[in-house]
Amino acid sequence: MLRYLPTVIFGIFILELASLIWLGSHIGVLPVLVLTILDIMIGSALIRRGGMSVFTAVNTRSFDAKAVSNGAANGMLGTLAGLLFIIPGLFSDVLAVFLLLPWLRKRLAKFMEARISTGMVYPDANHGPVIDAEVVEIIDPPKLEQH
């Protein structure tokens, strides 16, 4: 499967380019450029918001792995939608819009939630706070004998 990945990616870029050419022939070059710039602005805003959402979810002190992983999954889906908006073309934009639909996003987040929360380790609340420390062994110098 991995050996076909470059061919698939090249095919997707050709398909995206063909969609832009087709759209440009119907509405003109200037509106396509404006739409492409608007896509980049929307995509960068989604990436910023999704990145902050993932950062907040992961750094939230919570003992509920599902709540943290659900927030992280939603943020990652928003970031992926932003990346798809930045790629110029119609098909990636349609896929990005689908990723922003709440019902599809909820299903994908549940699917991702199980995979994210399995690797998370939470400290036990009964043992108190975890203190990060470095151990340094101090060796006493030998004492001189007095006669």
N, C-alpha and C. Protein backbone atom coordinates (compact mmCIF):
# COMPACT_ATOMS: atom_id res chain seq x y z
N MET A 1 0.82 -1.20 0.00
CA MET A 1 0.00 0.00 0.00
C MET A 1 0.86 1.26 0.00
N LEU A 2 1.94 1.26 0.78
CA LEU A 2 2.80 2.44 0.85
C LEU A 2 3.52 2.73 -0.47
N ARG A 3 3.74 1.71 -1.26
CA ARG A 3 4.43 1.97 -2.52
C ARG A 3 3.56 2.74 -3.50
N TYR A 4 2.23 2.70 -3.31
CA TYR A 4 1.33 3.45 -4.19
C TYR A 4 1.04 4.86 -3.66
N LEU A 5 1.51 5.17 -2.46
CA LEU A 5 1.21 6.46 -1.85
C LEU A 5 1.66 7.65 -2.69
N PRO A 6 2.88 7.69 -3.23
CA PRO A 6 3.27 8.83 -4.07
C PRO A 6 2.37 8.98 -5.31
N THR A 7 1.97 7.87 -5.88
CA THR A 7 1.09 7.92 -7.06
C THR A 7 -0.28 8.46 -6.68
N VAL A 8 -0.79 8.05 -5.53
CA VAL A 8 -2.10 8.53 -5.08
C VAL A 8 -2.04 10.02 -4.78
N ILE A 9 -0.98 10.46 -4.10
CA ILE A 9 -0.84 11.89 -3.78
C ILE A 9 -0.71 12.71 -5.06
N PHE A 10 0.05 12.22 -6.02
CA PHE A 10 0.19 12.92 -7.30
C PHE A 10 -1.16 12.99 -8.02
N GLY A 11 -1.91 11.91 -7.99
CA GLY A 11 -3.24 11.89 -8.61
C GLY A 11 -4.19 12.88 -7.94
N ILE A 12 -4.12 12.98 -6.62
CA ILE A 12 -4.98 13.93 -5.91
C ILE A 12 -4.62 15.36 -6.29
N PHE A 13 -3.32 15.68 -6.38
CA PHE A 13 -2.92 17.02 -6.78
C PHE A 13 -3.36 17.34 -8.21
N ILE A 14 -3.27 16.37 -9.11
CA ILE A 14 -3.75 16.57 -10.49
C ILE A 14 -5.25 16.82 -10.50
N LEU A 15 -5.99 16.05 -9.69
CA LEU A 15 -7.44 16.23 -9.59
C LEU A 15 -7.79 17.61 -9.04
N GLU A 16 -7.06 18.06 -8.02
CA GLU A 16 -7.30 19.39 -7.46
C GLU A 16 -6.99 20.49 -8.48
N LEU A 17 -5.89 20.34 -9.20
CA LEU A 17 -5.54 21.31 -10.23
C LEU A 17 -6.58 21.35 -11.34
N ALA A 18 -7.05 20.18 -11.76
CA ALA A 18 -8.09 20.12 -12.79
C ALA A 18 -9.37 20.78 -12.31
N SER A 19 -9.71 20.62 -11.03
CA SER A 19 -10.93 21.25 -10.51
C SER A 19 -10.79 22.77 -10.51
N LEU A 20 -9.59 23.27 -10.19
CA LEU A 20 -9.39 24.73 -10.24
C LEU A 20 -9.45 25.26 -11.67
N ILE A 21 -8.90 24.51 -12.61
CA ILE A 21 -8.96 24.93 -14.02
C ILE A 21 -10.40 24.94 -14.50
N TRP A 22 -11.16 23.91 -14.12
CA TRP A 22 -12.57 23.84 -14.53
C TRP A 22 -13.35 25.01 -13.93
N LEU A 23 -13.12 25.28 -12.64
CA LEU A 23 -13.83 26.38 -11.99
C LEU A 23 -13.42 27.72 -12.61
N GLY A 24 -12.14 27.88 -12.92
CA GLY A 24 -11.67 29.11 -13.55
C GLY A 24 -12.28 29.34 -14.92
N SER A 25 -12.52 28.26 -15.65
CA SER A 25 -13.14 28.42 -16.98
C SER A 25 -14.60 28.82 -16.89
N HIS A 26 -15.23 28.54 -15.75
CA HIS A 26 -16.65 28.88 -15.60
C HIS A 26 -16.89 30.22 -14.91
N ILE A 27 -16.07 30.58 -13.94
CA ILE A 27 -16.32 31.84 -13.23
C ILE A 27 -15.22 32.88 -13.43
N GLY A 28 -14.09 32.48 -14.01
CA GLY A 28 -13.00 33.41 -14.26
C GLY A 28 -11.83 33.19 -13.30
N VAL A 29 -10.70 33.76 -13.68
CA VAL A 29 -9.48 33.56 -12.92
C VAL A 29 -9.48 34.36 -11.61
N LEU A 30 -9.90 35.62 -11.67
CA LEU A 30 -9.87 36.47 -10.48
C LEU A 30 -10.75 35.92 -9.35
N PRO A 31 -11.98 35.50 -9.60
CA PRO A 31 -12.76 34.91 -8.50
C PRO A 31 -12.12 33.64 -7.92
N VAL A 32 -11.46 32.85 -8.77
CA VAL A 32 -10.78 31.65 -8.26
C VAL A 32 -9.62 32.05 -7.36
N LEU A 33 -8.88 33.07 -7.72
CA LEU A 33 -7.79 33.55 -6.87
C LEU A 33 -8.32 34.08 -5.53
N VAL A 34 -9.42 34.82 -5.59
CA VAL A 34 -10.02 35.34 -4.36
C VAL A 34 -10.48 34.18 -3.47
N LEU A 35 -11.11 33.16 -4.07
CA LEU A 35 -11.55 32.00 -3.29
C LEU A 35 -10.37 31.25 -2.69
N THR A 36 -9.28 31.16 -3.43
CA THR A 36 -8.09 30.47 -2.92
C THR A 36 -7.49 31.22 -1.74
N ILE A 37 -7.42 32.53 -1.83
CA ILE A 37 -6.91 33.33 -0.72
C ILE A 37 -7.85 33.23 0.49
N LEU A 38 -9.16 33.25 0.24
CA LEU A 38 -10.13 33.10 1.32
C LEU A 38 -10.00 31.72 1.98
N ASP A 39 -9.78 30.69 1.18
CA ASP A 39 -9.56 29.34 1.71
C ASP A 39 -8.34 29.30 2.63
N ILE A 40 -7.27 29.94 2.22
CA ILE A 40 -6.05 29.96 3.04
C ILE A 40 -6.30 30.69 4.35
N MET A 41 -7.05 31.79 4.32
CA MET A 41 -7.35 32.52 5.55
C MET A 41 -8.23 31.69 6.49
N ILE A 42 -9.25 31.02 5.94
CA ILE A 42 -10.12 30.17 6.75
C ILE A 42 -9.33 29.00 7.32
N GLY A 43 -8.49 28.40 6.49
CA GLY A 43 -7.69 27.26 6.93
C GLY A 43 -6.73 27.62 8.04
N SER A 44 -6.07 28.77 7.92
CA SER A 44 -5.13 29.16 8.98
C SER A 44 -5.85 29.47 10.28
N ALA A 45 -7.06 30.04 10.20
CA ALA A 45 -7.83 30.31 11.42
C ALA A 45 -8.27 29.00 12.07
N LEU A 46 -8.67 28.02 11.26
CA LEU A 46 -9.06 26.72 11.81
C LEU A 46 -7.88 26.00 12.43
N ILE A 47 -6.72 26.10 11.81
CA ILE A 47 -5.52 25.46 12.36
C ILE A 47 -5.16 26.10 13.70
N ARG A 48 -5.22 27.41 13.78
CA ARG A 48 -4.90 28.10 15.03
C ARG A 48 -5.88 27.70 16.13
N ARG A 49 -7.17 27.70 15.81
CA ARG A 49 -8.18 27.34 16.80
C ARG A 49 -8.08 25.87 17.20
N GLY A 50 -7.86 24.99 16.22
CA GLY A 50 -7.74 23.56 16.52
C GLY A 50 -6.49 23.25 17.32
N GLY A 51 -5.39 23.93 17.01
CA GLY A 51 -4.16 23.72 17.76
C GLY A 51 -4.30 24.15 19.21
N MET A 52 -4.93 25.28 19.42
CA MET A 52 -5.15 25.74 20.79
C MET A 52 -6.10 24.80 21.53
N SER A 53 -7.08 24.26 20.83
CA SER A 53 -8.02 23.32 21.45
C SER A 53 -7.31 22.05 21.87
N VAL A 54 -6.43 21.52 21.02
CA VAL A 54 -5.67 20.33 21.37
C VAL A 54 -4.75 20.63 22.55
N PHE A 55 -4.07 21.75 22.52
CA PHE A 55 -3.16 22.14 23.60
C PHE A 55 -3.91 22.26 24.93
N THR A 56 -5.07 22.90 24.91
CA THR A 56 -5.86 23.06 26.12
C THR A 56 -6.37 21.72 26.63
N ALA A 57 -6.84 20.87 25.71
CA ALA A 57 -7.38 19.57 26.13
C ALA A 57 -6.31 18.68 26.75
N VAL A 58 -5.14 18.68 26.17
CA VAL A 58 -4.07 17.81 26.67
C VAL A 58 -3.51 18.34 27.98
N ASN A 59 -3.45 19.65 28.15
CA ASN A 59 -2.88 20.23 29.37
C ASN A 59 -3.90 20.45 30.48
N THR A 60 -5.15 20.08 30.25
CA THR A 60 -6.17 20.21 31.28
C THR A 60 -5.96 19.11 32.32
N ARG A 61 -5.95 19.50 33.56
CA ARG A 61 -5.77 18.51 34.63
C ARG A 61 -7.10 17.81 34.84
N SER A 62 -7.17 16.61 34.37
CA SER A 62 -8.40 15.83 34.47
C SER A 62 -8.05 14.36 34.61
N PHE A 63 -8.85 13.67 35.39
CA PHE A 63 -8.65 12.24 35.53
C PHE A 63 -9.61 11.47 34.63
N ASP A 64 -10.36 12.19 33.79
CA ASP A 64 -11.27 11.57 32.84
C ASP A 64 -10.60 11.54 31.47
N ALA A 65 -10.09 10.37 31.10
CA ALA A 65 -9.36 10.23 29.84
C ALA A 65 -10.26 10.49 28.64
N LYS A 66 -11.53 10.12 28.74
CA LYS A 66 -12.44 10.32 27.61
C LYS A 66 -12.69 11.79 27.34
N ALA A 67 -12.81 12.59 28.38
CA ALA A 67 -13.04 14.03 28.19
C ALA A 67 -11.84 14.68 27.52
N VAL A 68 -10.65 14.33 27.97
CA VAL A 68 -9.43 14.90 27.39
C VAL A 68 -9.26 14.43 25.96
N SER A 69 -9.45 13.13 25.72
CA SER A 69 -9.24 12.62 24.36
C SER A 69 -10.31 13.12 23.40
N ASN A 70 -11.52 13.34 23.89
CA ASN A 70 -12.57 13.88 23.01
C ASN A 70 -12.24 15.30 22.60
N GLY A 71 -11.75 16.12 23.54
CA GLY A 71 -11.34 17.48 23.20
C GLY A 71 -10.17 17.49 22.24
N ALA A 72 -9.22 16.59 22.46
CA ALA A 72 -8.06 16.51 21.57
C ALA A 72 -8.48 16.04 20.18
N ALA A 73 -9.39 15.09 20.11
CA ALA A 73 -9.85 14.58 18.81
C ALA A 73 -10.59 15.67 18.04
N ASN A 74 -11.44 16.43 18.72
CA ASN A 74 -12.15 17.53 18.05
C ASN A 74 -11.17 18.58 17.55
N GLY A 75 -10.17 18.89 18.34
CA GLY A 75 -9.17 19.86 17.91
C GLY A 75 -8.36 19.37 16.72
N MET A 76 -8.02 18.07 16.72
CA MET A 76 -7.25 17.52 15.60
C MET A 76 -8.09 17.49 14.33
N LEU A 77 -9.39 17.22 14.45
CA LEU A 77 -10.25 17.25 13.26
C LEU A 77 -10.39 18.66 12.72
N GLY A 78 -10.46 19.65 13.60
CA GLY A 78 -10.50 21.04 13.15
C GLY A 78 -9.21 21.45 12.47
N THR A 79 -8.08 20.98 13.00
CA THR A 79 -6.79 21.27 12.38
C THR A 79 -6.68 20.61 11.02
N LEU A 80 -7.16 19.37 10.91
CA LEU A 80 -7.14 18.67 9.63
C LEU A 80 -8.03 19.39 8.61
N ALA A 81 -9.18 19.88 9.05
CA ALA A 81 -10.05 20.65 8.15
C ALA A 81 -9.34 21.91 7.68
N GLY A 82 -8.61 22.56 8.58
CA GLY A 82 -7.85 23.75 8.19
C GLY A 82 -6.78 23.43 7.16
N LEU A 83 -6.07 22.32 7.36
CA LEU A 83 -5.06 21.92 6.37
C LEU A 83 -5.69 21.63 5.02
N LEU A 84 -6.86 21.00 5.03
CA LEU A 84 -7.54 20.71 3.76
C LEU A 84 -8.01 22.00 3.08
N PHE A 85 -8.39 23.00 3.86
CA PHE A 85 -8.78 24.28 3.26
C PHE A 85 -7.58 24.97 2.62
N ILE A 86 -6.41 24.82 3.20
CA ILE A 86 -5.23 25.49 2.66
C ILE A 86 -4.81 24.88 1.32
N ILE A 87 -5.04 23.58 1.14
CA ILE A 87 -4.71 22.95 -0.15
C ILE A 87 -5.66 23.50 -1.21
N PRO A 88 -5.13 24.13 -2.26
CA PRO A 88 -6.02 24.71 -3.27
C PRO A 88 -6.72 23.62 -4.07
N GLY A 89 -8.02 23.76 -4.23
CA GLY A 89 -8.81 22.82 -5.00
C GLY A 89 -10.19 22.64 -4.40
N LEU A 90 -11.09 22.10 -5.20
CA LEU A 90 -12.47 21.95 -4.76
C LEU A 90 -12.69 20.72 -3.88
N PHE A 91 -12.04 19.62 -4.22
CA PHE A 91 -12.29 18.37 -3.51
C PHE A 91 -11.79 18.44 -2.07
N SER A 92 -10.65 19.04 -1.85
CA SER A 92 -10.15 19.18 -0.48
C SER A 92 -11.04 20.13 0.33
N ASP A 93 -11.60 21.15 -0.33
CA ASP A 93 -12.51 22.06 0.37
C ASP A 93 -13.80 21.36 0.77
N VAL A 94 -14.32 20.52 -0.12
CA VAL A 94 -15.55 19.77 0.20
C VAL A 94 -15.29 18.82 1.36
N LEU A 95 -14.14 18.15 1.35
CA LEU A 95 -13.79 17.25 2.44
C LEU A 95 -13.63 18.02 3.75
N ALA A 96 -13.04 19.22 3.68
CA ALA A 96 -12.89 20.06 4.88
C ALA A 96 -14.24 20.48 5.43
N VAL A 97 -15.17 20.83 4.56
CA VAL A 97 -16.52 21.21 5.01
C VAL A 97 -17.19 20.02 5.69
N PHE A 98 -17.01 18.82 5.13
CA PHE A 98 -17.57 17.62 5.77
C PHE A 98 -16.98 17.40 7.15
N LEU A 99 -15.70 17.68 7.32
CA LEU A 99 -15.07 17.52 8.64
C LEU A 99 -15.59 18.54 9.65
N LEU A 100 -16.17 19.62 9.18
CA LEU A 100 -16.70 20.63 10.08
C LEU A 100 -18.16 20.38 10.46
N LEU A 101 -18.82 19.42 9.80
CA LEU A 101 -20.21 19.09 10.14
C LEU A 101 -20.25 18.42 11.51
N PRO A 102 -21.13 18.90 12.40
CA PRO A 102 -21.12 18.40 13.78
C PRO A 102 -21.39 16.89 13.91
N TRP A 103 -22.34 16.35 13.17
CA TRP A 103 -22.67 14.93 13.31
C TRP A 103 -21.53 14.03 12.85
N LEU A 104 -20.85 14.41 11.76
CA LEU A 104 -19.72 13.62 11.29
C LEU A 104 -18.50 13.80 12.20
N ARG A 105 -18.33 15.00 12.68
CA ARG A 105 -17.21 15.27 13.57
C ARG A 105 -17.34 14.49 14.88
N LYS A 106 -18.58 14.39 15.39
CA LYS A 106 -18.82 13.65 16.62
C LYS A 106 -18.50 12.16 16.44
N ARG A 107 -18.89 11.61 15.30
CA ARG A 107 -18.60 10.18 15.03
C ARG A 107 -17.10 9.94 14.87
N LEU A 108 -16.44 10.81 14.13
CA LEU A 108 -15.00 10.66 13.95
C LEU A 108 -14.25 10.88 15.26
N ALA A 109 -14.74 11.80 16.08
CA ALA A 109 -14.10 12.03 17.38
C ALA A 109 -14.24 10.81 18.28
N LYS A 110 -15.39 10.16 18.26
CA LYS A 110 -15.56 8.93 19.05
C LYS A 110 -14.64 7.83 18.55
N PHE A 111 -14.49 7.74 17.22
CA PHE A 111 -13.59 6.75 16.65
C PHE A 111 -12.16 7.00 17.07
N MET A 112 -11.74 8.26 17.06
CA MET A 112 -10.37 8.62 17.43
C MET A 112 -10.16 8.59 18.94
N GLU A 113 -11.23 8.82 19.68
CA GLU A 113 -11.15 8.91 21.14
C GLU A 113 -10.57 7.65 21.76
N ALA A 114 -11.00 6.51 21.27
CA ALA A 114 -10.52 5.24 21.82
C ALA A 114 -9.02 5.08 21.59
N ARG A 115 -8.54 5.55 20.45
CA ARG A 115 -7.12 5.40 20.14
C ARG A 115 -6.25 6.41 20.87
N ILE A 116 -6.80 7.57 21.19
CA ILE A 116 -6.03 8.59 21.89
C ILE A 116 -5.96 8.26 23.38
N SER A 117 -7.10 7.89 23.98
CA SER A 117 -7.16 7.72 25.43
C SER A 117 -6.44 6.47 25.91
N THR A 118 -6.17 5.49 25.05
CA THR A 118 -5.50 4.28 25.51
C THR A 118 -4.04 4.55 25.87
N GLY A 119 -3.41 5.53 25.25
CA GLY A 119 -2.01 5.80 25.54
C GLY A 119 -1.79 6.81 26.65
N MET A 120 -2.86 7.38 27.20
CA MET A 120 -2.71 8.41 28.22
C MET A 120 -2.58 7.77 29.60
N VAL A 121 -1.67 8.30 30.40
CA VAL A 121 -1.46 7.82 31.76
C VAL A 121 -1.77 8.97 32.70
N TYR A 122 -2.61 8.69 33.68
CA TYR A 122 -3.00 9.70 34.65
C TYR A 122 -2.50 9.30 36.02
N PRO A 123 -2.01 10.26 36.81
CA PRO A 123 -1.54 9.92 38.16
C PRO A 123 -2.72 9.51 39.04
N ASP A 124 -2.44 8.66 40.01
CA ASP A 124 -3.46 8.22 40.94
C ASP A 124 -3.73 9.35 41.93
N ALA A 125 -5.00 9.67 42.13
CA ALA A 125 -5.37 10.78 43.00
C ALA A 125 -5.07 10.49 44.47
N ASN A 126 -4.94 9.22 44.85
CA ASN A 126 -4.72 8.87 46.25
C ASN A 126 -3.28 9.06 46.69
N HIS A 127 -2.36 9.20 45.79
CA HIS A 127 -0.96 9.29 46.15
C HIS A 127 -0.44 10.73 46.21
N GLY A 128 -1.27 11.69 46.00
CA GLY A 128 -0.84 13.08 46.11
C GLY A 128 -0.19 13.58 44.83
N PRO A 129 0.39 14.77 44.91
CA PRO A 129 0.98 15.35 43.68
C PRO A 129 2.27 14.64 43.27
N VAL A 130 2.54 14.69 42.00
CA VAL A 130 3.78 14.14 41.46
C VAL A 130 4.80 15.27 41.41
N ILE A 131 5.97 15.03 41.99
CA ILE A 131 7.02 16.05 42.03
C ILE A 131 8.15 15.59 41.14
N ASP A 132 8.49 16.39 40.16
CA ASP A 132 9.59 16.08 39.27
C ASP A 132 10.88 16.54 39.94
N ALA A 133 11.82 15.61 40.10
CA ALA A 133 13.06 15.95 40.81
C ALA A 133 14.23 15.25 40.16
N GLU A 134 15.42 15.73 40.48
CA GLU A 134 16.65 15.12 40.00
C GLU A 134 17.47 14.73 41.23
N VAL A 135 17.95 13.50 41.22
CA VAL A 135 18.70 12.99 42.37
C VAL A 135 20.18 13.21 42.12
N VAL A 136 20.84 13.78 43.12
CA VAL A 136 22.28 14.00 43.07
C VAL A 136 22.87 13.36 44.32
N GLU A 137 23.82 12.45 44.14
CA GLU A 137 24.45 11.78 45.26
C GLU A 137 25.64 12.61 45.72
N ILE A 138 25.65 12.94 47.01
CA ILE A 138 26.74 13.72 47.58
C ILE A 138 27.62 12.76 48.38
N ILE A 139 28.84 12.68 47.98
CA ILE A 139 29.79 11.79 48.65
C ILE A 139 30.64 12.65 49.58
N ASP A 140 30.67 12.24 50.87
CA ASP A 140 31.48 13.00 51.84
C ASP A 140 32.96 12.75 51.56
N PRO A 141 33.77 13.81 51.60
CA PRO A 141 35.21 13.59 51.40
C PRO A 141 35.79 12.84 52.63
N PRO A 142 36.84 12.06 52.43
CA PRO A 142 37.42 11.33 53.56
C PRO A 142 37.99 12.32 54.59
N LYS A 143 37.77 12.00 55.85
CA LYS A 143 38.25 12.87 56.93
C LYS A 143 39.69 12.52 57.27
N LEU A 144 40.46 13.51 57.61
CA LEU A 144 41.85 13.31 58.01
C LEU A 144 41.89 12.80 59.45
N GLU A 145 42.75 11.86 59.63
CA GLU A 145 42.89 11.30 60.98
C GLU A 145 43.78 12.23 61.81
N GLN A 146 43.42 12.45 63.04
CA GLN A 146 44.20 13.30 63.93
C GLN A 146 44.93 12.42 64.95
N HIS A 147 46.23 12.67 65.14
CA HIS A 147 47.01 11.89 66.12
C HIS A 147 47.27 12.67 67.32
